[in-house]
Amino acid sequence: MVHFHAGVSRSPAGAWIVLVARGWDAEDALLEIKRIRPEAWPNTTLMRLGGKVLGIPEHELERVIKKIPEIFSICRDDLNKILI
């Protein structure tokens, strides 16, 4: 289990890193996180760090990160309400 305070940003990013490290496709891992935690918005800084450690090519990592707004259809205002 991966859990930080609100479980909205760092926890999903940590879960993404764990899933990818265990062999999941990077985009499929995001879809699974969305299924489990729809209000999530993974922390891209943490994802970049994890991706670098895991050896994910930078262009592939950026492609996946750019899909976050499409996959996690929540606006930043809604995210801020969850975090406050």
N, C-alpha and C. Protein backbone atom coordinates (compact mmCIF):
# COMPACT_ATOMS: atom_id res chain seq x y z
N MET A 1 0.85 -1.17 0.00
CA MET A 1 0.00 0.00 0.00
C MET A 1 0.90 1.24 0.00
N VAL A 2 0.51 2.21 -0.80
CA VAL A 2 1.20 3.49 -0.85
C VAL A 2 0.21 4.54 -0.38
N HIS A 3 0.57 5.31 0.66
CA HIS A 3 -0.36 6.31 1.17
C HIS A 3 0.38 7.51 1.74
N PHE A 4 -0.01 8.68 1.27
CA PHE A 4 0.45 9.94 1.84
C PHE A 4 -0.77 10.64 2.40
N HIS A 5 -0.62 11.83 2.92
CA HIS A 5 -1.68 12.52 3.66
C HIS A 5 -3.05 12.50 2.98
N ALA A 6 -3.19 13.14 1.84
CA ALA A 6 -4.51 13.23 1.20
C ALA A 6 -4.77 12.10 0.21
N GLY A 7 -3.72 11.43 -0.22
CA GLY A 7 -3.91 10.33 -1.17
C GLY A 7 -4.34 10.77 -2.55
N VAL A 8 -3.97 11.99 -2.92
CA VAL A 8 -4.43 12.52 -4.21
C VAL A 8 -3.29 12.71 -5.20
N SER A 9 -2.12 13.05 -4.76
CA SER A 9 -1.03 13.40 -5.67
C SER A 9 0.19 12.48 -5.50
N ARG A 10 0.80 12.50 -4.32
CA ARG A 10 2.01 11.70 -4.12
C ARG A 10 1.70 10.20 -4.06
N SER A 11 0.61 9.83 -3.41
CA SER A 11 0.27 8.40 -3.33
C SER A 11 0.03 7.80 -4.72
N PRO A 12 -0.77 8.44 -5.58
CA PRO A 12 -0.94 7.88 -6.92
C PRO A 12 0.38 7.83 -7.71
N ALA A 13 1.22 8.84 -7.54
CA ALA A 13 2.51 8.82 -8.22
C ALA A 13 3.36 7.66 -7.70
N GLY A 14 3.37 7.46 -6.38
CA GLY A 14 4.11 6.35 -5.81
C GLY A 14 3.55 5.01 -6.26
N ALA A 15 2.23 4.91 -6.33
CA ALA A 15 1.60 3.68 -6.81
C ALA A 15 1.95 3.43 -8.27
N TRP A 16 1.98 4.49 -9.07
CA TRP A 16 2.36 4.37 -10.48
C TRP A 16 3.78 3.82 -10.60
N ILE A 17 4.69 4.35 -9.79
CA ILE A 17 6.08 3.89 -9.82
C ILE A 17 6.15 2.40 -9.48
N VAL A 18 5.42 2.00 -8.44
CA VAL A 18 5.42 0.59 -8.02
C VAL A 18 4.86 -0.30 -9.13
N LEU A 19 3.73 0.11 -9.73
CA LEU A 19 3.14 -0.70 -10.79
C LEU A 19 4.07 -0.84 -11.98
N VAL A 20 4.68 0.26 -12.40
CA VAL A 20 5.58 0.22 -13.54
C VAL A 20 6.82 -0.62 -13.21
N ALA A 21 7.32 -0.50 -11.99
CA ALA A 21 8.47 -1.31 -11.57
C ALA A 21 8.13 -2.80 -11.59
N ARG A 22 6.86 -3.12 -11.40
CA ARG A 22 6.41 -4.53 -11.39
C ARG A 22 6.01 -5.02 -12.79
N GLY A 23 6.26 -4.19 -13.81
CA GLY A 23 6.05 -4.64 -15.18
C GLY A 23 4.83 -4.10 -15.89
N TRP A 24 4.04 -3.25 -15.23
CA TRP A 24 2.87 -2.67 -15.88
C TRP A 24 3.31 -1.69 -16.96
N ASP A 25 2.51 -1.59 -18.00
CA ASP A 25 2.67 -0.54 -18.99
C ASP A 25 2.37 0.79 -18.29
N ALA A 26 3.15 1.82 -18.59
CA ALA A 26 3.02 3.11 -17.88
C ALA A 26 1.62 3.71 -17.99
N GLU A 27 1.05 3.66 -19.17
CA GLU A 27 -0.30 4.23 -19.35
C GLU A 27 -1.37 3.34 -18.68
N ASP A 28 -1.22 2.05 -18.79
CA ASP A 28 -2.16 1.13 -18.13
C ASP A 28 -2.14 1.34 -16.61
N ALA A 29 -0.96 1.63 -16.07
CA ALA A 29 -0.85 1.89 -14.63
C ALA A 29 -1.66 3.13 -14.25
N LEU A 30 -1.59 4.18 -15.09
CA LEU A 30 -2.39 5.38 -14.82
C LEU A 30 -3.89 5.07 -14.87
N LEU A 31 -4.29 4.27 -15.84
CA LEU A 31 -5.71 3.90 -15.96
C LEU A 31 -6.19 3.11 -14.74
N GLU A 32 -5.33 2.25 -14.22
CA GLU A 32 -5.70 1.47 -13.03
C GLU A 32 -5.82 2.38 -11.81
N ILE A 33 -4.91 3.33 -11.68
CA ILE A 33 -4.98 4.29 -10.57
C ILE A 33 -6.26 5.11 -10.67
N LYS A 34 -6.61 5.53 -11.88
CA LYS A 34 -7.85 6.28 -12.10
C LYS A 34 -9.07 5.44 -11.69
N ARG A 35 -9.04 4.14 -12.03
CA ARG A 35 -10.16 3.26 -11.67
C ARG A 35 -10.31 3.17 -10.15
N ILE A 36 -9.20 3.09 -9.45
CA ILE A 36 -9.22 2.91 -8.01
C ILE A 36 -9.44 4.24 -7.27
N ARG A 37 -8.83 5.31 -7.77
CA ARG A 37 -8.87 6.61 -7.08
C ARG A 37 -9.20 7.69 -8.11
N PRO A 38 -10.47 7.83 -8.50
CA PRO A 38 -10.85 8.75 -9.57
C PRO A 38 -10.45 10.21 -9.33
N GLU A 39 -10.38 10.62 -8.07
CA GLU A 39 -10.04 12.02 -7.78
C GLU A 39 -8.53 12.28 -7.77
N ALA A 40 -7.75 11.27 -8.10
CA ALA A 40 -6.30 11.42 -8.10
C ALA A 40 -5.81 12.38 -9.17
N TRP A 41 -4.65 12.95 -8.92
CA TRP A 41 -3.91 13.74 -9.91
C TRP A 41 -2.44 13.51 -9.61
N PRO A 42 -1.83 12.45 -10.22
CA PRO A 42 -0.47 12.06 -9.85
C PRO A 42 0.55 13.19 -9.96
N ASN A 43 1.43 13.23 -8.97
CA ASN A 43 2.49 14.23 -8.89
C ASN A 43 3.51 13.94 -9.99
N THR A 44 3.61 14.83 -10.97
CA THR A 44 4.47 14.59 -12.12
C THR A 44 5.95 14.66 -11.77
N THR A 45 6.31 15.46 -10.78
CA THR A 45 7.72 15.52 -10.36
C THR A 45 8.16 14.16 -9.82
N LEU A 46 7.34 13.57 -8.98
CA LEU A 46 7.63 12.25 -8.43
C LEU A 46 7.63 11.18 -9.53
N MET A 47 6.69 11.30 -10.48
CA MET A 47 6.66 10.36 -11.59
C MET A 47 7.94 10.47 -12.43
N ARG A 48 8.39 11.69 -12.69
CA ARG A 48 9.63 11.87 -13.47
C ARG A 48 10.82 11.26 -12.74
N LEU A 49 10.89 11.48 -11.45
CA LEU A 49 11.99 10.93 -10.66
C LEU A 49 11.94 9.39 -10.70
N GLY A 50 10.76 8.83 -10.45
CA GLY A 50 10.61 7.38 -10.50
C GLY A 50 10.91 6.82 -11.88
N GLY A 51 10.42 7.50 -12.91
CA GLY A 51 10.67 7.06 -14.27
C GLY A 51 12.15 7.04 -14.61
N LYS A 52 12.84 8.05 -14.12
CA LYS A 52 14.30 8.12 -14.36
C LYS A 52 15.00 6.96 -13.67
N VAL A 53 14.63 6.69 -12.42
CA VAL A 53 15.22 5.58 -11.67
C VAL A 53 14.92 4.24 -12.36
N LEU A 54 13.70 4.11 -12.90
CA LEU A 54 13.30 2.87 -13.56
C LEU A 54 13.86 2.75 -14.98
N GLY A 55 14.48 3.82 -15.48
CA GLY A 55 15.06 3.78 -16.82
C GLY A 55 14.08 3.96 -17.95
N ILE A 56 12.94 4.58 -17.66
CA ILE A 56 11.97 4.87 -18.71
C ILE A 56 12.52 5.99 -19.58
N PRO A 57 12.57 5.80 -20.90
CA PRO A 57 13.07 6.87 -21.77
C PRO A 57 12.26 8.16 -21.55
N GLU A 58 12.96 9.28 -21.55
CA GLU A 58 12.33 10.57 -21.25
C GLU A 58 11.15 10.87 -22.17
N HIS A 59 11.29 10.57 -23.46
CA HIS A 59 10.18 10.86 -24.39
C HIS A 59 8.94 10.02 -24.05
N GLU A 60 9.14 8.78 -23.61
CA GLU A 60 8.00 7.93 -23.24
C GLU A 60 7.35 8.44 -21.95
N LEU A 61 8.17 8.82 -21.00
CA LEU A 61 7.66 9.35 -19.74
C LEU A 61 6.85 10.62 -19.98
N GLU A 62 7.36 11.52 -20.80
CA GLU A 62 6.64 12.77 -21.09
C GLU A 62 5.34 12.49 -21.84
N ARG A 63 5.33 11.49 -22.72
CA ARG A 63 4.10 11.11 -23.43
C ARG A 63 3.02 10.68 -22.43
N VAL A 64 3.41 9.88 -21.45
CA VAL A 64 2.47 9.39 -20.45
C VAL A 64 2.01 10.54 -19.55
N ILE A 65 2.93 11.38 -19.12
CA ILE A 65 2.58 12.51 -18.24
C ILE A 65 1.61 13.46 -18.94
N LYS A 66 1.78 13.66 -20.23
CA LYS A 66 0.87 14.54 -20.98
C LYS A 66 -0.54 13.98 -21.04
N LYS A 67 -0.72 12.70 -20.79
CA LYS A 67 -2.05 12.08 -20.81
C LYS A 67 -2.80 12.26 -19.49
N ILE A 68 -2.13 12.72 -18.46
CA ILE A 68 -2.77 12.84 -17.14
C ILE A 68 -4.05 13.69 -17.20
N PRO A 69 -4.04 14.88 -17.81
CA PRO A 69 -5.29 15.66 -17.84
C PRO A 69 -6.43 14.93 -18.55
N GLU A 70 -6.10 14.16 -19.57
CA GLU A 70 -7.12 13.41 -20.31
C GLU A 70 -7.65 12.25 -19.47
N ILE A 71 -6.76 11.53 -18.80
CA ILE A 71 -7.15 10.36 -18.01
C ILE A 71 -7.84 10.77 -16.72
N PHE A 72 -7.25 11.74 -16.04
CA PHE A 72 -7.80 12.20 -14.76
C PHE A 72 -8.56 13.50 -15.00
N SER A 73 -9.78 13.38 -15.50
CA SER A 73 -10.56 14.54 -15.90
C SER A 73 -11.12 15.27 -14.67
N ILE A 74 -10.23 15.93 -13.99
CA ILE A 74 -10.59 16.75 -12.82
C ILE A 74 -9.85 18.07 -12.99
N CYS A 75 -10.51 19.15 -12.77
CA CYS A 75 -9.84 20.43 -12.95
C CYS A 75 -9.04 20.77 -11.69
N ARG A 76 -8.07 21.61 -11.82
CA ARG A 76 -7.21 21.98 -10.69
C ARG A 76 -8.00 22.62 -9.56
N ASP A 77 -9.07 23.34 -9.87
CA ASP A 77 -9.89 23.94 -8.82
C ASP A 77 -10.51 22.87 -7.94
N ASP A 78 -11.00 21.79 -8.58
CA ASP A 78 -11.55 20.68 -7.81
C ASP A 78 -10.47 20.00 -6.98
N LEU A 79 -9.28 19.86 -7.55
CA LEU A 79 -8.17 19.26 -6.81
C LEU A 79 -7.83 20.10 -5.58
N ASN A 80 -7.81 21.41 -5.74
CA ASN A 80 -7.51 22.29 -4.60
C ASN A 80 -8.56 22.15 -3.50
N LYS A 81 -9.82 21.97 -3.87
CA LYS A 81 -10.88 21.78 -2.86
C LYS A 81 -10.64 20.49 -2.07
N ILE A 82 -10.17 19.45 -2.76
CA ILE A 82 -9.90 18.18 -2.09
C ILE A 82 -8.74 18.33 -1.13
N LEU A 83 -7.72 19.08 -1.51
CA LEU A 83 -6.50 19.20 -0.71
C LEU A 83 -6.65 20.14 0.47
N ILE A 84 -7.63 21.07 0.42
CA ILE A 84 -7.78 22.06 1.51
C ILE A 84 -8.54 21.48 2.65
